[in-house]
Amino acid sequence: MTEFFETFNNGARHLREEKEFQKVNVLQAKRGGRGPQPLDLESGRIVLVRPGERVATRGIEVRRATAEDHRAAARVAVHAYLDGGELRHDDPYLEVLRDCTTRDRDGELWVALDGARVVGTLTWCPAGSPLQEVAGPGEGEFRVLGVDPTAQGSGVGRLLVQAAIDRARADGLSAIVLSSSEWMTTAHALYRSLGFVRTPERDWSPREDVHLLTYRLEL
């Protein structure tokens, strides 16, 4: 029944997944094992182990994309947004998501890699970039955060956003801002957990059927 209900209510699925993630938090192992471990802080990966087993992790690498990464980054972004259930397959915004060449030219396209596989992407919009939408003087901005559906919940999104925060601090910026669709509730929870606060006075609509919420993190 739960699966049937969630088929028609994407928000319910995200809420369940978030609650399940929180439940992963503890259970110490019997017989001296480590038990389930919710998050490996160095790699950002969630790693579940049975009592007595060692934790084997693979690090997630976040770096500037190369031209060879563009196709995979486009695929990840498109699949991530379609998985949210609110974009139709003929939505014109999908062409924006696919256009990694422009985003890497006018900003900086970043990727998160699990080994050789691109599992996440984010576009950093430096000062003066035409990609900036809501940033003011002294503020950084990022766009198009996307995580491959198969890697969602593993900390990839958090690593990408943290990399953007670190970049903004390194550039001496006073804050970092972003816009996010109303239906991206899982992303909103991530932003809040990292200290971002809502700035409803900056909310805007790029077209009649889309309303974007804005967030800001004071650095």
N, C-alpha and C. Protein backbone atom coordinates (compact mmCIF):
# COMPACT_ATOMS: atom_id res chain seq x y z
N MET A 1 0.83 -1.20 0.00
CA MET A 1 0.00 0.00 0.00
C MET A 1 0.86 1.25 0.00
N THR A 2 1.96 1.23 0.79
CA THR A 2 2.85 2.39 0.84
C THR A 2 3.44 2.70 -0.52
N GLU A 3 3.90 1.65 -1.23
CA GLU A 3 4.50 1.85 -2.54
C GLU A 3 3.47 2.38 -3.52
N PHE A 4 2.21 1.89 -3.41
CA PHE A 4 1.15 2.36 -4.30
C PHE A 4 0.90 3.84 -4.06
N PHE A 5 0.80 4.25 -2.80
CA PHE A 5 0.55 5.64 -2.45
C PHE A 5 1.67 6.54 -2.93
N GLU A 6 2.92 6.08 -2.75
CA GLU A 6 4.06 6.90 -3.13
C GLU A 6 4.19 7.06 -4.63
N THR A 7 3.59 6.17 -5.39
CA THR A 7 3.60 6.30 -6.84
C THR A 7 2.93 7.60 -7.26
N PHE A 8 1.92 8.02 -6.48
CA PHE A 8 1.16 9.22 -6.83
C PHE A 8 1.52 10.41 -5.94
N ASN A 9 2.37 10.20 -4.99
CA ASN A 9 2.74 11.29 -4.07
C ASN A 9 4.24 11.26 -3.88
N ASN A 10 4.95 12.01 -4.71
CA ASN A 10 6.41 11.99 -4.66
C ASN A 10 6.94 12.56 -3.35
N GLY A 11 6.20 13.54 -2.78
CA GLY A 11 6.63 14.12 -1.52
C GLY A 11 6.63 13.10 -0.40
N ALA A 12 5.65 12.19 -0.43
CA ALA A 12 5.58 11.14 0.60
C ALA A 12 6.79 10.22 0.50
N ARG A 13 7.21 9.93 -0.72
CA ARG A 13 8.38 9.06 -0.89
C ARG A 13 9.63 9.72 -0.32
N HIS A 14 9.80 11.01 -0.64
CA HIS A 14 10.98 11.72 -0.14
C HIS A 14 10.97 11.80 1.39
N LEU A 15 9.76 12.01 1.98
CA LEU A 15 9.67 12.08 3.43
C LEU A 15 10.04 10.75 4.06
N ARG A 16 9.55 9.65 3.46
CA ARG A 16 9.90 8.33 3.99
C ARG A 16 11.39 8.09 3.90
N GLU A 17 12.00 8.44 2.75
CA GLU A 17 13.42 8.21 2.57
C GLU A 17 14.23 9.01 3.58
N GLU A 18 13.80 10.26 3.85
CA GLU A 18 14.52 11.08 4.81
C GLU A 18 14.44 10.48 6.22
N LYS A 19 13.23 9.97 6.57
CA LYS A 19 13.08 9.35 7.88
C LYS A 19 13.91 8.08 7.99
N GLU A 20 13.95 7.31 6.91
CA GLU A 20 14.75 6.09 6.93
C GLU A 20 16.23 6.42 7.06
N PHE A 21 16.66 7.50 6.41
CA PHE A 21 18.06 7.92 6.53
C PHE A 21 18.39 8.25 7.98
N GLN A 22 17.46 8.94 8.65
CA GLN A 22 17.70 9.30 10.04
C GLN A 22 17.76 8.06 10.94
N LYS A 23 16.97 7.05 10.60
CA LYS A 23 16.94 5.83 11.42
C LYS A 23 18.23 5.03 11.30
N VAL A 24 18.94 5.24 10.17
CA VAL A 24 20.17 4.47 9.95
C VAL A 24 21.20 4.80 11.02
N ASN A 25 20.95 5.89 11.74
CA ASN A 25 21.95 6.48 12.61
C ASN A 25 22.61 5.55 13.62
N VAL A 26 21.96 4.67 14.17
CA VAL A 26 22.70 3.98 15.24
C VAL A 26 22.65 2.47 15.25
N LEU A 27 22.35 1.73 16.03
CA LEU A 27 22.48 0.27 16.15
C LEU A 27 23.92 -0.16 16.31
N GLN A 28 24.38 -0.13 17.52
CA GLN A 28 25.75 -0.62 17.74
C GLN A 28 25.76 -2.13 17.60
N ALA A 29 26.85 -2.63 17.04
CA ALA A 29 26.92 -4.06 16.77
C ALA A 29 27.12 -4.86 18.04
N LYS A 30 26.58 -6.02 18.02
CA LYS A 30 26.88 -6.98 19.07
C LYS A 30 28.15 -7.72 18.65
N ARG A 31 28.78 -8.32 19.58
CA ARG A 31 30.00 -9.08 19.33
C ARG A 31 31.15 -8.19 18.84
N GLY A 32 31.15 -6.96 19.25
CA GLY A 32 32.32 -6.11 18.97
C GLY A 32 32.38 -5.50 17.60
N GLY A 33 31.37 -5.70 16.74
CA GLY A 33 31.41 -5.10 15.41
C GLY A 33 31.00 -3.64 15.47
N ARG A 34 31.22 -2.93 14.38
CA ARG A 34 30.88 -1.51 14.35
C ARG A 34 29.39 -1.29 14.14
N GLY A 35 28.74 -2.27 13.48
CA GLY A 35 27.33 -2.08 13.19
C GLY A 35 27.12 -1.10 12.05
N PRO A 36 25.86 -0.78 11.73
CA PRO A 36 25.58 0.14 10.64
C PRO A 36 26.16 1.52 10.93
N GLN A 37 26.87 2.07 9.98
CA GLN A 37 27.46 3.39 10.11
C GLN A 37 26.79 4.32 9.11
N PRO A 38 26.18 5.43 9.56
CA PRO A 38 25.38 6.24 8.66
C PRO A 38 26.18 7.02 7.64
N LEU A 39 27.34 7.52 8.00
CA LEU A 39 28.05 8.40 7.07
C LEU A 39 29.54 8.33 7.29
N ASP A 40 30.26 8.06 6.22
CA ASP A 40 31.71 8.13 6.27
C ASP A 40 32.08 9.57 5.94
N LEU A 41 32.58 10.32 6.92
CA LEU A 41 32.74 11.76 6.76
C LEU A 41 33.76 12.14 5.70
N GLU A 42 34.74 11.30 5.45
CA GLU A 42 35.75 11.67 4.47
C GLU A 42 35.22 11.52 3.05
N SER A 43 34.46 10.50 2.80
CA SER A 43 33.99 10.26 1.43
C SER A 43 32.59 10.77 1.18
N GLY A 44 31.81 10.98 2.26
CA GLY A 44 30.43 11.38 2.09
C GLY A 44 29.51 10.22 1.76
N ARG A 45 30.02 9.01 1.79
CA ARG A 45 29.23 7.84 1.42
C ARG A 45 28.52 7.27 2.64
N ILE A 46 27.30 6.81 2.44
CA ILE A 46 26.61 6.05 3.48
C ILE A 46 27.02 4.60 3.31
N VAL A 47 27.50 3.99 4.39
CA VAL A 47 28.01 2.62 4.30
C VAL A 47 27.35 1.79 5.39
N LEU A 48 26.58 0.78 5.00
CA LEU A 48 25.96 -0.12 5.96
C LEU A 48 26.77 -1.40 6.04
N VAL A 49 27.07 -1.85 7.26
CA VAL A 49 27.85 -3.07 7.44
C VAL A 49 27.17 -3.94 8.48
N ARG A 50 27.42 -5.23 8.39
CA ARG A 50 26.90 -6.16 9.39
C ARG A 50 27.84 -6.20 10.59
N PRO A 51 27.33 -6.61 11.76
CA PRO A 51 28.19 -6.70 12.92
C PRO A 51 29.43 -7.52 12.64
N GLY A 52 30.58 -7.00 13.05
CA GLY A 52 31.84 -7.71 12.90
C GLY A 52 32.55 -7.44 11.59
N GLU A 53 31.86 -6.82 10.62
CA GLU A 53 32.50 -6.53 9.35
C GLU A 53 33.23 -5.19 9.40
N ARG A 54 34.25 -5.08 8.56
CA ARG A 54 34.95 -3.81 8.43
C ARG A 54 34.23 -2.95 7.41
N VAL A 55 34.41 -1.64 7.51
CA VAL A 55 33.81 -0.73 6.56
C VAL A 55 34.75 -0.52 5.39
N ALA A 56 34.28 -0.82 4.19
CA ALA A 56 35.08 -0.58 2.98
C ALA A 56 34.42 0.56 2.22
N THR A 57 35.12 1.66 2.04
CA THR A 57 34.55 2.82 1.38
C THR A 57 35.37 3.21 0.16
N ARG A 58 34.68 3.83 -0.76
CA ARG A 58 35.35 4.43 -1.90
C ARG A 58 35.07 5.91 -1.84
N GLY A 59 36.11 6.73 -1.98
CA GLY A 59 35.92 8.16 -1.88
C GLY A 59 35.22 8.72 -3.11
N ILE A 60 34.43 9.76 -2.88
CA ILE A 60 33.81 10.52 -3.96
C ILE A 60 34.70 11.72 -4.26
N GLU A 61 35.10 11.85 -5.49
CA GLU A 61 35.96 12.97 -5.90
C GLU A 61 35.11 14.06 -6.53
N VAL A 62 35.28 15.31 -6.08
CA VAL A 62 34.61 16.45 -6.68
C VAL A 62 35.67 17.30 -7.37
N ARG A 63 35.46 17.59 -8.65
CA ARG A 63 36.44 18.38 -9.40
C ARG A 63 35.76 19.11 -10.55
N ARG A 64 36.51 20.01 -11.17
CA ARG A 64 36.03 20.71 -12.37
C ARG A 64 35.90 19.69 -13.49
N ALA A 65 34.81 19.80 -14.23
CA ALA A 65 34.56 18.85 -15.32
C ALA A 65 35.51 19.09 -16.48
N THR A 66 35.80 18.05 -17.19
CA THR A 66 36.51 18.15 -18.47
C THR A 66 35.47 18.00 -19.58
N ALA A 67 35.89 18.28 -20.80
CA ALA A 67 34.97 18.14 -21.93
C ALA A 67 34.44 16.72 -22.04
N GLU A 68 35.27 15.77 -21.64
CA GLU A 68 34.87 14.36 -21.70
C GLU A 68 33.77 14.03 -20.69
N ASP A 69 33.62 14.88 -19.68
CA ASP A 69 32.60 14.65 -18.65
C ASP A 69 31.24 15.21 -19.04
N HIS A 70 31.18 16.05 -20.04
CA HIS A 70 29.95 16.80 -20.33
C HIS A 70 28.75 15.89 -20.60
N ARG A 71 28.94 14.87 -21.39
CA ARG A 71 27.82 14.00 -21.74
C ARG A 71 27.27 13.30 -20.50
N ALA A 72 28.15 12.78 -19.67
CA ALA A 72 27.71 12.08 -18.46
C ALA A 72 27.06 13.05 -17.48
N ALA A 73 27.61 14.26 -17.36
CA ALA A 73 27.04 15.26 -16.46
C ALA A 73 25.64 15.66 -16.92
N ALA A 74 25.45 15.79 -18.23
CA ALA A 74 24.13 16.12 -18.76
C ALA A 74 23.14 15.01 -18.44
N ARG A 75 23.56 13.77 -18.61
CA ARG A 75 22.69 12.63 -18.32
C ARG A 75 22.27 12.63 -16.86
N VAL A 76 23.23 12.87 -15.96
CA VAL A 76 22.93 12.88 -14.53
C VAL A 76 21.94 13.99 -14.20
N ALA A 77 22.17 15.18 -14.74
CA ALA A 77 21.29 16.31 -14.44
C ALA A 77 19.87 16.03 -14.92
N VAL A 78 19.73 15.54 -16.14
CA VAL A 78 18.41 15.26 -16.69
C VAL A 78 17.70 14.17 -15.89
N HIS A 79 18.39 13.09 -15.59
CA HIS A 79 17.77 12.00 -14.85
C HIS A 79 17.39 12.45 -13.44
N ALA A 80 18.22 13.27 -12.82
CA ALA A 80 17.92 13.75 -11.46
C ALA A 80 16.64 14.58 -11.45
N TYR A 81 16.49 15.46 -12.43
CA TYR A 81 15.31 16.33 -12.46
C TYR A 81 14.06 15.56 -12.87
N LEU A 82 14.19 14.63 -13.79
CA LEU A 82 13.04 13.82 -14.17
C LEU A 82 12.61 12.91 -13.04
N ASP A 83 13.56 12.42 -12.24
CA ASP A 83 13.25 11.54 -11.14
C ASP A 83 12.41 12.25 -10.09
N GLY A 84 12.52 13.58 -10.04
CA GLY A 84 11.71 14.33 -9.08
C GLY A 84 10.23 14.26 -9.38
N GLY A 85 9.89 13.91 -10.61
CA GLY A 85 8.49 13.69 -10.95
C GLY A 85 7.71 14.91 -11.38
N GLU A 86 8.35 16.09 -11.37
CA GLU A 86 7.62 17.30 -11.70
C GLU A 86 7.91 17.82 -13.11
N LEU A 87 9.00 17.39 -13.72
CA LEU A 87 9.32 17.80 -15.08
C LEU A 87 8.81 16.76 -16.06
N ARG A 88 8.16 17.22 -17.12
CA ARG A 88 7.75 16.33 -18.19
C ARG A 88 8.90 16.12 -19.15
N HIS A 89 8.83 15.06 -19.90
CA HIS A 89 9.92 14.74 -20.83
C HIS A 89 10.04 15.73 -21.96
N ASP A 90 9.02 16.56 -22.18
CA ASP A 90 9.09 17.58 -23.22
C ASP A 90 9.30 18.98 -22.66
N ASP A 91 9.64 19.07 -21.36
CA ASP A 91 9.86 20.39 -20.75
C ASP A 91 11.08 21.05 -21.39
N PRO A 92 10.97 22.31 -21.82
CA PRO A 92 12.10 22.99 -22.46
C PRO A 92 13.31 23.15 -21.55
N TYR A 93 13.12 23.09 -20.24
CA TYR A 93 14.26 23.25 -19.32
C TYR A 93 15.22 22.08 -19.43
N LEU A 94 14.77 20.96 -19.94
CA LEU A 94 15.67 19.82 -20.10
C LEU A 94 16.81 20.15 -21.06
N GLU A 95 16.55 21.01 -22.04
CA GLU A 95 17.63 21.42 -22.96
C GLU A 95 18.68 22.23 -22.23
N VAL A 96 18.27 23.03 -21.27
CA VAL A 96 19.22 23.78 -20.45
C VAL A 96 20.08 22.81 -19.65
N LEU A 97 19.46 21.79 -19.09
CA LEU A 97 20.20 20.80 -18.30
C LEU A 97 21.19 20.04 -19.17
N ARG A 98 20.83 19.79 -20.41
CA ARG A 98 21.71 19.04 -21.31
C ARG A 98 22.88 19.89 -21.80
N ASP A 99 22.75 21.20 -21.75
CA ASP A 99 23.75 22.09 -22.35
C ASP A 99 24.91 22.34 -21.37
N CYS A 100 25.69 21.32 -21.13
CA CYS A 100 26.84 21.45 -20.23
C CYS A 100 27.93 22.33 -20.84
N THR A 101 28.03 22.37 -22.16
CA THR A 101 29.07 23.16 -22.81
C THR A 101 28.91 24.64 -22.47
N THR A 102 27.69 25.15 -22.54
CA THR A 102 27.44 26.56 -22.22
C THR A 102 27.68 26.83 -20.74
N ARG A 103 27.21 25.92 -19.88
CA ARG A 103 27.40 26.14 -18.44
C ARG A 103 28.88 26.14 -18.07
N ASP A 104 29.66 25.31 -18.76
CA ASP A 104 31.09 25.26 -18.46
C ASP A 104 31.83 26.44 -19.07
N ARG A 105 31.26 27.04 -20.09
CA ARG A 105 31.87 28.21 -20.71
C ARG A 105 31.57 29.49 -19.92
N ASP A 106 30.31 29.63 -19.52
CA ASP A 106 29.89 30.85 -18.83
C ASP A 106 30.03 30.75 -17.32
N GLY A 107 30.29 29.55 -16.82
CA GLY A 107 30.52 29.33 -15.40
C GLY A 107 31.54 28.23 -15.25
N GLU A 108 31.37 27.41 -14.22
CA GLU A 108 32.26 26.26 -14.01
C GLU A 108 31.39 25.04 -13.74
N LEU A 109 31.51 24.05 -14.61
CA LEU A 109 30.78 22.80 -14.42
C LEU A 109 31.62 21.88 -13.56
N TRP A 110 31.05 21.42 -12.45
CA TRP A 110 31.74 20.51 -11.54
C TRP A 110 31.06 19.14 -11.60
N VAL A 111 31.83 18.12 -11.33
CA VAL A 111 31.28 16.76 -11.28
C VAL A 111 31.75 16.06 -10.02
N ALA A 112 30.94 15.12 -9.56
CA ALA A 112 31.31 14.22 -8.48
C ALA A 112 31.46 12.84 -9.10
N LEU A 113 32.58 12.20 -8.82
CA LEU A 113 32.85 10.90 -9.42
C LEU A 113 33.00 9.82 -8.36
N ASP A 114 32.36 8.70 -8.63
CA ASP A 114 32.53 7.49 -7.83
C ASP A 114 33.38 6.57 -8.70
N GLY A 115 34.69 6.57 -8.46
CA GLY A 115 35.59 5.90 -9.38
C GLY A 115 35.65 6.70 -10.67
N ALA A 116 35.31 6.06 -11.77
CA ALA A 116 35.31 6.75 -13.06
C ALA A 116 33.91 7.22 -13.47
N ARG A 117 32.91 6.93 -12.64
CA ARG A 117 31.52 7.22 -13.00
C ARG A 117 31.06 8.55 -12.43
N VAL A 118 30.50 9.40 -13.28
CA VAL A 118 29.93 10.67 -12.84
C VAL A 118 28.61 10.38 -12.14
N VAL A 119 28.50 10.77 -10.87
CA VAL A 119 27.28 10.51 -10.10
C VAL A 119 26.62 11.80 -9.62
N GLY A 120 27.26 12.93 -9.90
CA GLY A 120 26.66 14.19 -9.48
C GLY A 120 27.26 15.35 -10.25
N THR A 121 26.53 16.47 -10.27
CA THR A 121 27.03 17.65 -10.97
C THR A 121 26.47 18.91 -10.33
N LEU A 122 27.19 20.00 -10.49
CA LEU A 122 26.79 21.31 -9.98
C LEU A 122 27.47 22.35 -10.85
N THR A 123 26.80 23.47 -11.08
CA THR A 123 27.39 24.55 -11.84
C THR A 123 27.68 25.73 -10.92
N TRP A 124 28.94 26.10 -10.83
CA TRP A 124 29.36 27.26 -10.03
C TRP A 124 29.32 28.49 -10.92
N CYS A 125 28.72 29.56 -10.41
CA CYS A 125 28.57 30.80 -11.17
C CYS A 125 29.44 31.88 -10.52
N PRO A 126 30.64 32.09 -11.01
CA PRO A 126 31.54 33.08 -10.41
C PRO A 126 31.05 34.50 -10.64
N ALA A 127 31.66 35.45 -9.94
CA ALA A 127 31.28 36.85 -10.07
C ALA A 127 31.32 37.28 -11.53
N GLY A 128 30.27 37.94 -11.97
CA GLY A 128 30.21 38.41 -13.35
C GLY A 128 29.69 37.40 -14.35
N SER A 129 29.42 36.17 -13.92
CA SER A 129 28.94 35.14 -14.83
C SER A 129 27.51 35.46 -15.27
N PRO A 130 27.21 35.31 -16.57
CA PRO A 130 25.83 35.52 -17.03
C PRO A 130 24.87 34.47 -16.50
N LEU A 131 25.40 33.43 -15.89
CA LEU A 131 24.55 32.38 -15.31
C LEU A 131 23.97 32.79 -13.96
N GLN A 132 24.53 33.81 -13.33
CA GLN A 132 24.00 34.24 -12.05
C GLN A 132 22.58 34.77 -12.23
N GLU A 133 21.69 34.36 -11.31
CA GLU A 133 20.28 34.74 -11.41
C GLU A 133 19.84 35.65 -10.26
N VAL A 134 20.31 35.39 -9.05
CA VAL A 134 19.83 36.16 -7.89
C VAL A 134 20.97 36.73 -7.06
N ALA A 135 22.22 36.44 -7.39
CA ALA A 135 23.35 36.91 -6.59
C ALA A 135 23.51 38.42 -6.68
N GLY A 136 23.82 39.02 -5.54
CA GLY A 136 24.12 40.44 -5.50
C GLY A 136 25.62 40.64 -5.34
N PRO A 137 26.05 41.87 -5.14
CA PRO A 137 27.48 42.14 -4.96
C PRO A 137 28.05 41.35 -3.78
N GLY A 138 29.17 40.70 -3.99
CA GLY A 138 29.82 39.95 -2.93
C GLY A 138 29.23 38.60 -2.65
N GLU A 139 28.27 38.15 -3.48
CA GLU A 139 27.63 36.86 -3.25
C GLU A 139 28.00 35.87 -4.35
N GLY A 140 28.19 34.62 -3.96
CA GLY A 140 28.37 33.55 -4.93
C GLY A 140 27.05 32.85 -5.18
N GLU A 141 27.01 32.08 -6.23
CA GLU A 141 25.76 31.39 -6.58
C GLU A 141 26.09 30.07 -7.27
N PHE A 142 25.26 29.07 -7.04
CA PHE A 142 25.40 27.84 -7.82
C PHE A 142 24.04 27.43 -8.36
N ARG A 143 24.09 26.63 -9.42
CA ARG A 143 22.87 26.19 -10.11
C ARG A 143 23.00 24.71 -10.49
N VAL A 144 21.90 24.14 -10.89
CA VAL A 144 21.82 22.79 -11.46
C VAL A 144 22.57 21.76 -10.60
N LEU A 145 22.17 21.66 -9.34
CA LEU A 145 22.66 20.56 -8.51
C LEU A 145 21.87 19.32 -8.88
N GLY A 146 22.58 18.28 -9.30
CA GLY A 146 21.90 17.03 -9.65
C GLY A 146 22.71 15.83 -9.25
N VAL A 147 22.03 14.83 -8.72
CA VAL A 147 22.68 13.58 -8.31
C VAL A 147 21.98 12.42 -9.02
N ASP A 148 22.77 11.53 -9.57
CA ASP A 148 22.22 10.35 -10.23
C ASP A 148 21.24 9.65 -9.28
N PRO A 149 20.04 9.29 -9.75
CA PRO A 149 19.06 8.64 -8.88
C PRO A 149 19.61 7.42 -8.15
N THR A 150 20.55 6.70 -8.76
CA THR A 150 21.12 5.52 -8.11
C THR A 150 22.06 5.88 -6.98
N ALA A 151 22.49 7.13 -6.91
CA ALA A 151 23.43 7.56 -5.86
C ALA A 151 22.79 8.52 -4.87
N GLN A 152 21.52 8.81 -5.03
CA GLN A 152 20.87 9.74 -4.12
C GLN A 152 20.79 9.15 -2.71
N GLY A 153 21.00 10.00 -1.72
CA GLY A 153 21.02 9.56 -0.33
C GLY A 153 22.38 9.11 0.14
N SER A 154 23.39 9.20 -0.72
CA SER A 154 24.73 8.73 -0.35
C SER A 154 25.68 9.86 0.00
N GLY A 155 25.19 11.09 0.09
CA GLY A 155 26.04 12.21 0.48
C GLY A 155 26.68 12.95 -0.67
N VAL A 156 26.40 12.57 -1.92
CA VAL A 156 27.01 13.23 -3.07
C VAL A 156 26.58 14.69 -3.17
N GLY A 157 25.29 14.95 -3.01
CA GLY A 157 24.80 16.31 -3.08
C GLY A 157 25.42 17.20 -2.02
N ARG A 158 25.56 16.66 -0.81
CA ARG A 158 26.18 17.42 0.28
C ARG A 158 27.63 17.78 -0.06
N LEU A 159 28.36 16.84 -0.63
CA LEU A 159 29.75 17.11 -0.99
C LEU A 159 29.84 18.21 -2.04
N LEU A 160 28.96 18.19 -3.02
CA LEU A 160 28.98 19.21 -4.06
C LEU A 160 28.65 20.59 -3.50
N VAL A 161 27.63 20.67 -2.66
CA VAL A 161 27.27 21.96 -2.07
C VAL A 161 28.38 22.45 -1.15
N GLN A 162 28.97 21.55 -0.38
CA GLN A 162 30.07 21.95 0.50
C GLN A 162 31.25 22.48 -0.31
N ALA A 163 31.50 21.87 -1.47
CA ALA A 163 32.57 22.35 -2.33
C ALA A 163 32.28 23.78 -2.80
N ALA A 164 31.01 24.07 -3.10
CA ALA A 164 30.63 25.41 -3.51
C ALA A 164 30.82 26.41 -2.35
N ILE A 165 30.46 25.97 -1.15
CA ILE A 165 30.64 26.83 0.03
C ILE A 165 32.12 27.12 0.23
N ASP A 166 32.95 26.09 0.13
CA ASP A 166 34.39 26.26 0.30
C ASP A 166 34.95 27.20 -0.75
N ARG A 167 34.45 27.07 -1.99
CA ARG A 167 34.92 27.94 -3.06
C ARG A 167 34.54 29.40 -2.78
N ALA A 168 33.31 29.62 -2.33
CA ALA A 168 32.87 30.97 -2.03
C ALA A 168 33.72 31.60 -0.93
N ARG A 169 34.04 30.81 0.08
CA ARG A 169 34.88 31.33 1.17
C ARG A 169 36.29 31.64 0.66
N ALA A 170 36.83 30.75 -0.18
CA ALA A 170 38.16 30.97 -0.73
C ALA A 170 38.22 32.22 -1.59
N ASP A 171 37.10 32.54 -2.25
CA ASP A 171 37.04 33.74 -3.09
C ASP A 171 36.73 35.00 -2.28
N GLY A 172 36.58 34.86 -0.96
CA GLY A 172 36.33 36.02 -0.11
C GLY A 172 34.93 36.58 -0.23
N LEU A 173 33.97 35.75 -0.64
CA LEU A 173 32.59 36.22 -0.79
C LEU A 173 31.89 36.28 0.57
N SER A 174 30.87 37.10 0.64
CA SER A 174 30.17 37.29 1.91
C SER A 174 29.03 36.30 2.11
N ALA A 175 28.54 35.72 1.03
CA ALA A 175 27.40 34.81 1.12
C ALA A 175 27.31 33.98 -0.15
N ILE A 176 26.50 32.94 -0.09
CA ILE A 176 26.22 32.12 -1.26
C ILE A 176 24.71 31.96 -1.37
N VAL A 177 24.18 32.07 -2.59
CA VAL A 177 22.74 32.05 -2.80
C VAL A 177 22.39 31.03 -3.87
N LEU A 178 21.10 30.68 -3.93
CA LEU A 178 20.64 29.73 -4.94
C LEU A 178 19.14 29.85 -5.11
N SER A 179 18.66 29.33 -6.24
CA SER A 179 17.23 29.23 -6.51
C SER A 179 16.88 27.75 -6.65
N SER A 180 15.68 27.38 -6.19
CA SER A 180 15.29 25.97 -6.23
C SER A 180 13.79 25.86 -6.44
N SER A 181 13.37 24.92 -7.27
CA SER A 181 11.95 24.72 -7.53
C SER A 181 11.23 24.27 -6.26
N GLU A 182 9.96 24.61 -6.18
CA GLU A 182 9.16 24.30 -4.98
C GLU A 182 9.14 22.82 -4.67
N TRP A 183 9.17 21.96 -5.69
CA TRP A 183 9.00 20.53 -5.48
C TRP A 183 10.29 19.84 -5.02
N MET A 184 11.42 20.55 -4.99
CA MET A 184 12.69 19.92 -4.64
C MET A 184 12.88 19.88 -3.12
N THR A 185 11.97 19.20 -2.44
CA THR A 185 11.96 19.22 -0.98
C THR A 185 13.18 18.55 -0.36
N THR A 186 13.69 17.51 -1.00
CA THR A 186 14.88 16.85 -0.47
C THR A 186 16.07 17.79 -0.51
N ALA A 187 16.22 18.53 -1.61
CA ALA A 187 17.31 19.50 -1.72
C ALA A 187 17.14 20.61 -0.67
N HIS A 188 15.91 21.02 -0.43
CA HIS A 188 15.66 22.07 0.57
C HIS A 188 16.13 21.62 1.95
N ALA A 189 15.86 20.36 2.28
CA ALA A 189 16.30 19.83 3.57
C ALA A 189 17.82 19.84 3.67
N LEU A 190 18.50 19.51 2.56
CA LEU A 190 19.96 19.55 2.53
C LEU A 190 20.46 20.96 2.76
N TYR A 191 19.89 21.93 2.07
CA TYR A 191 20.33 23.32 2.22
C TYR A 191 20.16 23.80 3.67
N ARG A 192 19.01 23.48 4.26
CA ARG A 192 18.78 23.90 5.64
C ARG A 192 19.79 23.26 6.58
N SER A 193 20.13 22.00 6.33
CA SER A 193 21.08 21.31 7.21
C SER A 193 22.48 21.92 7.13
N LEU A 194 22.77 22.61 6.04
CA LEU A 194 24.07 23.25 5.86
C LEU A 194 24.05 24.72 6.29
N GLY A 195 22.92 25.18 6.78
CA GLY A 195 22.85 26.54 7.31
C GLY A 195 22.20 27.57 6.40
N PHE A 196 21.74 27.15 5.22
CA PHE A 196 21.05 28.09 4.34
C PHE A 196 19.69 28.47 4.95
N VAL A 197 19.28 29.72 4.72
CA VAL A 197 17.98 30.18 5.20
C VAL A 197 17.19 30.71 4.00
N ARG A 198 15.88 30.62 4.12
CA ARG A 198 15.00 31.10 3.05
C ARG A 198 15.05 32.62 2.94
N THR A 199 14.99 33.11 1.71
CA THR A 199 14.91 34.54 1.43
C THR A 199 13.72 34.76 0.50
N PRO A 200 12.51 34.68 1.04
CA PRO A 200 11.31 34.76 0.21
C PRO A 200 11.19 36.06 -0.58
N GLU A 201 11.83 37.11 -0.10
CA GLU A 201 11.76 38.37 -0.83
C GLU A 201 12.48 38.31 -2.19
N ARG A 202 13.31 37.28 -2.38
CA ARG A 202 14.02 37.10 -3.64
C ARG A 202 13.36 36.05 -4.55
N ASP A 203 12.35 35.36 -4.06
CA ASP A 203 11.69 34.34 -4.88
C ASP A 203 11.25 34.94 -6.21
N TRP A 204 11.29 34.12 -7.25
CA TRP A 204 10.97 34.65 -8.58
C TRP A 204 10.47 33.53 -9.49
N SER A 205 9.96 33.93 -10.64
CA SER A 205 9.40 32.97 -11.60
C SER A 205 9.98 33.24 -12.99
N PRO A 206 10.77 32.28 -13.51
CA PRO A 206 11.31 32.44 -14.86
C PRO A 206 10.26 32.29 -15.95
N ARG A 207 9.12 31.65 -15.60
CA ARG A 207 7.99 31.52 -16.51
C ARG A 207 6.74 31.32 -15.67
N GLU A 208 5.58 31.39 -16.29
CA GLU A 208 4.32 31.41 -15.54
C GLU A 208 4.09 30.17 -14.70
N ASP A 209 4.54 29.01 -15.18
CA ASP A 209 4.25 27.76 -14.47
C ASP A 209 5.36 27.31 -13.54
N VAL A 210 6.35 28.16 -13.31
CA VAL A 210 7.48 27.78 -12.44
C VAL A 210 7.72 28.88 -11.41
N HIS A 211 7.72 28.48 -10.13
CA HIS A 211 8.03 29.41 -9.05
C HIS A 211 9.27 28.91 -8.33
N LEU A 212 10.28 29.75 -8.23
CA LEU A 212 11.54 29.35 -7.62
C LEU A 212 11.69 29.97 -6.23
N LEU A 213 12.08 29.11 -5.27
CA LEU A 213 12.39 29.55 -3.92
C LEU A 213 13.86 29.87 -3.84
N THR A 214 14.21 30.85 -3.03
CA THR A 214 15.63 31.22 -2.91
C THR A 214 16.12 30.99 -1.48
N TYR A 215 17.43 30.66 -1.41
CA TYR A 215 18.10 30.41 -0.14
C TYR A 215 19.41 31.18 -0.12
N ARG A 216 19.87 31.48 1.10
CA ARG A 216 21.12 32.23 1.26
C ARG A 216 21.88 31.71 2.48
N LEU A 217 23.17 31.60 2.34
CA LEU A 217 24.06 31.20 3.44
C LEU A 217 25.06 32.32 3.68
N GLU A 218 25.00 32.90 4.86
CA GLU A 218 25.98 33.94 5.24
C GLU A 218 27.29 33.27 5.57
N LEU A 219 28.38 33.76 5.00
CA LEU A 219 29.70 33.14 5.21
C LEU A 219 30.51 33.93 6.24
